Amino acid sequence: MHKSSASVVRVQDLNARLRRITLRVDDPGALDVRQAGDSAVGVYFPGGQGRNYTVRHCDGDLIDIDVVRHGPGVATTWAAGAGPGDRVGLDHARSWYLPGPGTDWQLLVADLSGLPAAARIIEKLPGGVPVTAIVEVAEDEDLDYLPTHPDLTVVASVGTGNGYAASNLAHLVRELELPPGRGYCWFAGEAAESRAVRKYLRGAGWAIDQLDVTGYWRLDSEAWDDKFALVSEEVAAVWTRAVAGGKSHRLADEEFDEALERAGL
């Protein structure tokens, strides 16, 4: 079932916005955490609500998750009060980051929500592959969270996006002078920006297997959810038909996103 409960064993503030919570997993074999760059698990809090979090580190039965504390919400409230002995449920170990063979360079794009995954990817990257990270953070100190890498170039936007102001991510991607050769783009951030980045790169001739673009959160999500409820069955059927027709999940996701856009979402 790929599920396990876990206990909080340690809490550490990394800066004013990022809190590291170390969990001891009851049954790590059942959970089966991925070793991929953006390995993630679903964390379910008391009351049954859950959120996806990057597995920042994994050592035997211990995993670290780094929670971004911003605005009200179930996860922020839980993280603010979490302490040793608190219990959570874990499941849905998964990952999205999958650069294909022949990739010459990589582009990582993330806001605060995707920063832990971007950091894990950078940490695990071998030398010799140029990587540019476009990151949108609240304060300069957030940039210190990223590990160093000999082939890393960081393009930072400080004080934009993240629910504080309009996002600058898609604009920075469009302004970037793309290196020669075959690129790969991984995106984790606000959903509308993810759509804009995917559309730009696809319009620039990128193949679908050069992109793993994921909306981690959505601005004004309550209003969006109300609108989505009116067309959910119709839009979800687009994804189902695509997969049933033999299309990859990446293509199905793209067609799903296009259906959302046609519905005004």
Protein backbone atom coordinates (compact mmCIF):
# COMPACT_ATOMS: atom_id res chain seq x y z
CA MET A 1 0.00 0.00 0.00
CA HIS A 2 3.09 2.27 0.21
CA LYS A 3 1.92 3.77 3.49
CA SER A 4 3.42 4.25 6.92
CA SER A 5 2.91 6.31 10.03
CA ALA A 6 5.77 8.39 11.42
CA SER A 7 6.76 10.33 14.53
CA VAL A 8 8.38 13.75 14.77
CA VAL A 9 11.82 13.40 16.39
CA ARG A 10 13.35 16.84 15.80
CA VAL A 11 12.34 20.36 14.68
CA GLN A 12 14.84 22.97 13.45
CA ASP A 13 14.27 26.48 12.08
CA LEU A 14 16.50 26.99 9.03
CA ASN A 15 15.46 30.62 8.64
CA ALA A 16 12.37 32.77 9.20
CA ARG A 17 10.37 30.86 6.58
CA LEU A 18 11.77 27.33 6.45
CA ARG A 19 11.36 24.80 9.25
CA ARG A 20 12.97 21.36 9.04
CA ILE A 21 11.01 18.52 10.60
CA THR A 22 12.71 15.15 11.02
CA LEU A 23 10.39 12.13 11.03
CA ARG A 24 11.08 8.57 12.06
CA VAL A 25 9.14 6.33 9.66
CA ASP A 26 7.53 3.26 11.24
CA ASP A 27 7.80 1.12 8.10
CA PRO A 28 10.28 2.62 5.60
CA GLY A 29 10.13 -0.51 3.45
CA ALA A 30 6.42 -0.11 2.89
CA LEU A 31 6.68 3.63 2.19
CA ASP A 32 9.48 3.04 -0.35
CA VAL A 33 10.83 6.60 -0.63
CA ARG A 34 12.18 7.38 -4.11
CA GLN A 35 15.85 8.20 -4.59
CA ALA A 36 15.06 10.69 -7.39
CA GLY A 37 16.02 14.35 -7.28
CA ASP A 38 12.61 15.65 -6.26
CA SER A 39 11.53 12.67 -4.15
CA ALA A 40 8.34 13.52 -2.27
CA VAL A 41 5.79 12.00 0.09
CA GLY A 42 2.27 12.88 1.11
CA VAL A 43 2.16 13.96 4.77
CA TYR A 44 -1.21 13.59 6.50
CA PHE A 45 -1.85 15.59 9.64
CA PRO A 46 -4.26 14.86 12.49
CA GLY A 47 -7.74 15.34 11.06
CA GLY A 48 -6.87 13.67 7.75
CA GLN A 49 -5.74 16.61 5.61
CA GLY A 50 -2.45 16.24 3.81
CA ARG A 51 0.13 17.99 1.67
CA ASN A 52 3.03 16.82 -0.50
CA TYR A 53 6.55 17.50 0.75
CA THR A 54 10.01 16.95 -0.68
CA VAL A 55 12.12 14.38 1.15
CA ARG A 56 15.07 16.70 1.68
CA HIS A 57 17.20 13.94 3.21
CA CYS A 58 16.65 10.25 3.89
CA ASP A 59 18.80 8.13 6.21
CA GLY A 60 17.36 4.72 7.01
CA ASP A 61 14.09 5.28 8.83
CA LEU A 62 14.67 9.04 9.22
CA ILE A 63 13.47 11.61 6.68
CA ASP A 64 13.67 15.39 6.70
CA ILE A 65 10.91 17.56 5.28
CA ASP A 66 11.39 21.32 5.01
CA VAL A 67 8.12 23.21 5.45
CA VAL A 68 7.69 26.73 4.10
CA ARG A 69 5.79 28.80 6.65
CA HIS A 70 3.70 31.42 4.89
CA GLY A 71 0.07 32.40 5.34
CA PRO A 72 -2.63 30.49 7.18
CA GLY A 73 -3.20 26.84 6.38
CA VAL A 74 -3.29 23.33 7.72
CA ALA A 75 0.38 22.59 7.01
CA THR A 76 1.66 25.92 8.31
CA THR A 77 -0.33 25.54 11.52
CA TRP A 78 0.91 21.98 12.02
CA ALA A 79 4.54 22.91 11.34
CA ALA A 80 4.41 25.85 13.73
CA GLY A 81 3.35 23.62 16.62
CA ALA A 82 5.06 20.35 15.70
CA GLY A 83 7.22 18.72 18.35
CA PRO A 84 8.84 15.37 19.22
CA GLY A 85 6.33 12.56 19.51
CA ASP A 86 3.71 14.09 17.22
CA ARG A 87 2.31 11.56 14.75
CA VAL A 88 1.56 11.86 11.02
CA GLY A 89 0.68 9.51 8.19
CA LEU A 90 2.82 9.15 5.07
CA ASP A 91 2.06 7.77 1.62
CA HIS A 92 2.28 8.40 -2.13
CA ALA A 93 6.07 8.38 -2.37
CA ARG A 94 6.74 9.78 -5.84
CA SER A 95 8.93 12.00 -8.02
CA TRP A 96 8.73 13.99 -11.26
CA TYR A 97 12.31 15.00 -12.11
CA LEU A 98 13.48 12.84 -15.02
CA PRO A 99 15.97 14.36 -17.47
CA GLY A 100 16.34 12.13 -20.48
CA PRO A 101 19.49 10.73 -22.08
CA GLY A 102 21.34 13.25 -24.19
CA THR A 103 20.46 16.21 -21.95
CA ASP A 104 23.21 18.83 -22.33
CA TRP A 105 22.03 21.33 -19.71
CA GLN A 106 19.26 21.75 -17.15
CA LEU A 107 16.94 24.55 -16.09
CA LEU A 108 15.39 24.43 -12.62
CA VAL A 109 12.61 26.92 -11.89
CA ALA A 110 11.06 27.24 -8.43
CA ASP A 111 9.48 29.57 -5.91
CA LEU A 112 9.67 28.98 -2.16
CA SER A 113 7.33 25.98 -2.37
CA GLY A 114 9.71 24.25 -4.78
CA LEU A 115 12.95 25.38 -3.15
CA PRO A 116 13.50 22.19 -1.09
CA ALA A 117 13.11 20.02 -4.21
CA ALA A 118 15.39 22.29 -6.23
CA ALA A 119 17.98 22.09 -3.45
CA ARG A 120 17.81 18.30 -3.39
CA ILE A 121 18.19 18.12 -7.19
CA ILE A 122 21.23 20.41 -7.12
CA GLU A 123 22.78 18.44 -4.29
CA LYS A 124 22.48 15.18 -6.22
CA LEU A 125 23.62 16.50 -9.62
CA PRO A 126 26.93 15.11 -10.84
CA GLY A 127 29.50 17.56 -12.09
CA GLY A 128 29.83 18.35 -15.76
CA VAL A 129 26.20 19.21 -16.55
CA PRO A 130 25.52 22.98 -16.63
CA VAL A 131 22.44 23.90 -14.59
CA THR A 132 20.65 27.22 -14.21
CA ALA A 133 18.31 27.70 -11.26
CA ILE A 134 15.72 30.48 -11.53
CA VAL A 135 14.39 30.91 -8.00
CA GLU A 136 11.81 33.27 -6.56
CA VAL A 137 12.21 33.91 -2.83
CA ALA A 138 11.00 36.27 -0.12
CA GLU A 139 14.35 37.45 1.26
CA ASP A 140 18.01 37.20 0.29
CA GLU A 141 18.64 34.78 3.16
CA ASP A 142 16.44 32.21 1.41
CA LEU A 143 19.12 31.88 -1.26
CA ASP A 144 21.55 30.57 1.37
CA TYR A 145 19.37 27.45 1.55
CA LEU A 146 20.56 26.32 -1.90
CA PRO A 147 23.64 24.07 -1.94
CA THR A 148 26.65 25.04 -4.00
CA HIS A 149 27.56 23.22 -7.21
CA PRO A 150 30.47 23.81 -9.60
CA ASP A 151 28.22 24.03 -12.67
CA LEU A 152 25.35 26.03 -11.09
CA THR A 153 24.21 29.50 -12.12
CA VAL A 154 21.52 31.07 -9.91
CA VAL A 155 19.11 33.69 -11.25
CA ALA A 156 17.19 35.10 -8.28
CA SER A 157 14.07 37.19 -7.95
CA VAL A 158 13.73 38.45 -4.39
CA GLY A 159 10.44 39.73 -2.97
CA THR A 160 8.23 38.62 -5.86
CA GLY A 161 5.67 35.82 -6.12
CA ASN A 162 5.01 33.44 -3.23
CA GLY A 163 1.73 35.19 -2.47
CA TYR A 164 3.54 38.45 -1.66
CA ALA A 165 3.50 40.04 -5.12
CA ALA A 166 3.12 39.13 -8.79
CA SER A 167 5.38 36.27 -9.84
CA ASN A 168 8.39 36.89 -12.05
CA LEU A 169 9.24 33.26 -12.89
CA ALA A 170 7.74 32.96 -16.38
CA HIS A 171 9.19 36.35 -17.35
CA LEU A 172 12.68 35.29 -16.24
CA VAL A 173 12.41 32.05 -18.23
CA ARG A 174 11.41 34.00 -21.36
CA GLU A 175 14.31 36.43 -20.83
CA LEU A 176 16.90 33.68 -20.35
CA GLU A 177 19.33 33.14 -23.20
CA LEU A 178 19.00 29.41 -23.65
CA PRO A 179 22.32 27.57 -24.06
CA PRO A 180 22.95 25.46 -27.17
CA GLY A 181 22.21 21.77 -27.11
CA ARG A 182 19.35 19.77 -25.65
CA GLY A 183 17.88 21.30 -22.52
CA TYR A 184 15.67 19.93 -19.78
CA CYS A 185 13.34 22.05 -17.62
CA TRP A 186 12.00 21.13 -14.20
CA PHE A 187 9.49 23.56 -12.66
CA ALA A 188 7.89 23.62 -9.21
CA GLY A 189 5.85 26.63 -8.18
CA GLU A 190 2.56 28.46 -8.67
CA ALA A 191 0.26 26.76 -11.18
CA ALA A 192 -0.41 29.71 -13.49
CA GLU A 193 3.34 30.31 -13.83
CA SER A 194 3.86 26.62 -14.59
CA ARG A 195 1.41 26.87 -17.47
CA ALA A 196 3.12 29.96 -18.87
CA VAL A 197 6.55 28.30 -18.72
CA ARG A 198 5.33 25.11 -20.38
CA LYS A 199 3.60 27.02 -23.18
CA TYR A 200 6.67 29.17 -23.83
CA LEU A 201 9.11 26.28 -24.05
CA ARG A 202 6.77 24.11 -26.10
CA GLY A 203 6.28 27.07 -28.44
CA ALA A 204 10.06 27.34 -28.68
CA GLY A 205 10.18 23.80 -30.05
CA TRP A 206 10.89 21.79 -26.93
CA ALA A 207 9.61 18.20 -26.94
CA ILE A 208 7.28 17.10 -24.16
CA ASP A 209 9.95 14.78 -22.72
CA GLN A 210 12.21 17.79 -22.09
CA LEU A 211 9.78 19.15 -19.51
CA ASP A 212 8.59 18.16 -16.06
CA VAL A 213 6.46 21.12 -15.03
CA THR A 214 4.36 20.88 -11.86
CA GLY A 215 2.11 23.44 -10.21
CA TYR A 216 2.76 23.01 -6.47
CA TRP A 217 0.11 25.56 -5.41
CA ARG A 218 -2.39 27.99 -6.86
CA LEU A 219 -2.95 31.66 -6.16
CA ASP A 220 -6.52 32.38 -5.01
CA SER A 221 -7.15 28.65 -4.76
CA GLU A 222 -10.57 28.88 -3.10
CA ALA A 223 -12.09 30.84 -6.00
CA TRP A 224 -10.36 28.50 -8.47
CA ASP A 225 -11.74 25.44 -6.68
CA ASP A 226 -15.29 26.82 -6.92
CA LYS A 227 -14.93 27.33 -10.67
CA PHE A 228 -13.26 23.96 -11.18
CA ALA A 229 -16.13 22.16 -9.43
CA LEU A 230 -18.42 23.26 -12.26
CA VAL A 231 -16.31 21.60 -14.99
CA SER A 232 -14.34 18.97 -13.08
CA GLU A 233 -15.86 15.88 -14.72
CA GLU A 234 -15.49 17.25 -18.23
CA VAL A 235 -11.89 18.38 -17.70
CA ALA A 236 -10.81 15.22 -15.85
CA ALA A 237 -12.15 13.15 -18.75
CA VAL A 238 -9.62 14.83 -21.05
CA TRP A 239 -6.74 13.38 -18.99
CA THR A 240 -8.39 9.96 -18.77
CA ARG A 241 -8.96 9.77 -22.54
CA ALA A 242 -5.39 10.82 -23.26
CA VAL A 243 -3.92 8.06 -21.09
CA ALA A 244 -6.41 5.49 -22.37
CA GLY A 245 -5.36 6.44 -25.89
CA GLY A 246 -1.76 5.54 -25.12
CA LYS A 247 -0.38 9.03 -24.51
CA SER A 248 2.26 9.58 -21.84
CA HIS A 249 1.37 11.16 -18.52
CA ARG A 250 3.36 14.23 -19.58
CA LEU A 251 1.19 14.67 -22.69
CA ALA A 252 -1.96 13.91 -20.69
CA ASP A 253 -0.99 16.58 -18.17
CA GLU A 254 -0.46 19.07 -20.98
CA GLU A 255 -3.86 18.31 -22.52
CA PHE A 256 -5.47 18.57 -19.08
CA ASP A 257 -3.88 21.99 -18.58
CA GLU A 258 -5.07 23.14 -22.00
CA ALA A 259 -8.60 22.00 -21.11
CA LEU A 260 -8.41 24.04 -17.92
CA GLU A 261 -7.34 27.09 -19.90
CA ARG A 262 -10.23 26.66 -22.35
CA ALA A 263 -12.57 26.52 -19.35
CA GLY A 264 -11.23 29.84 -18.10
CA LEU A 265 -9.18 28.27 -15.36
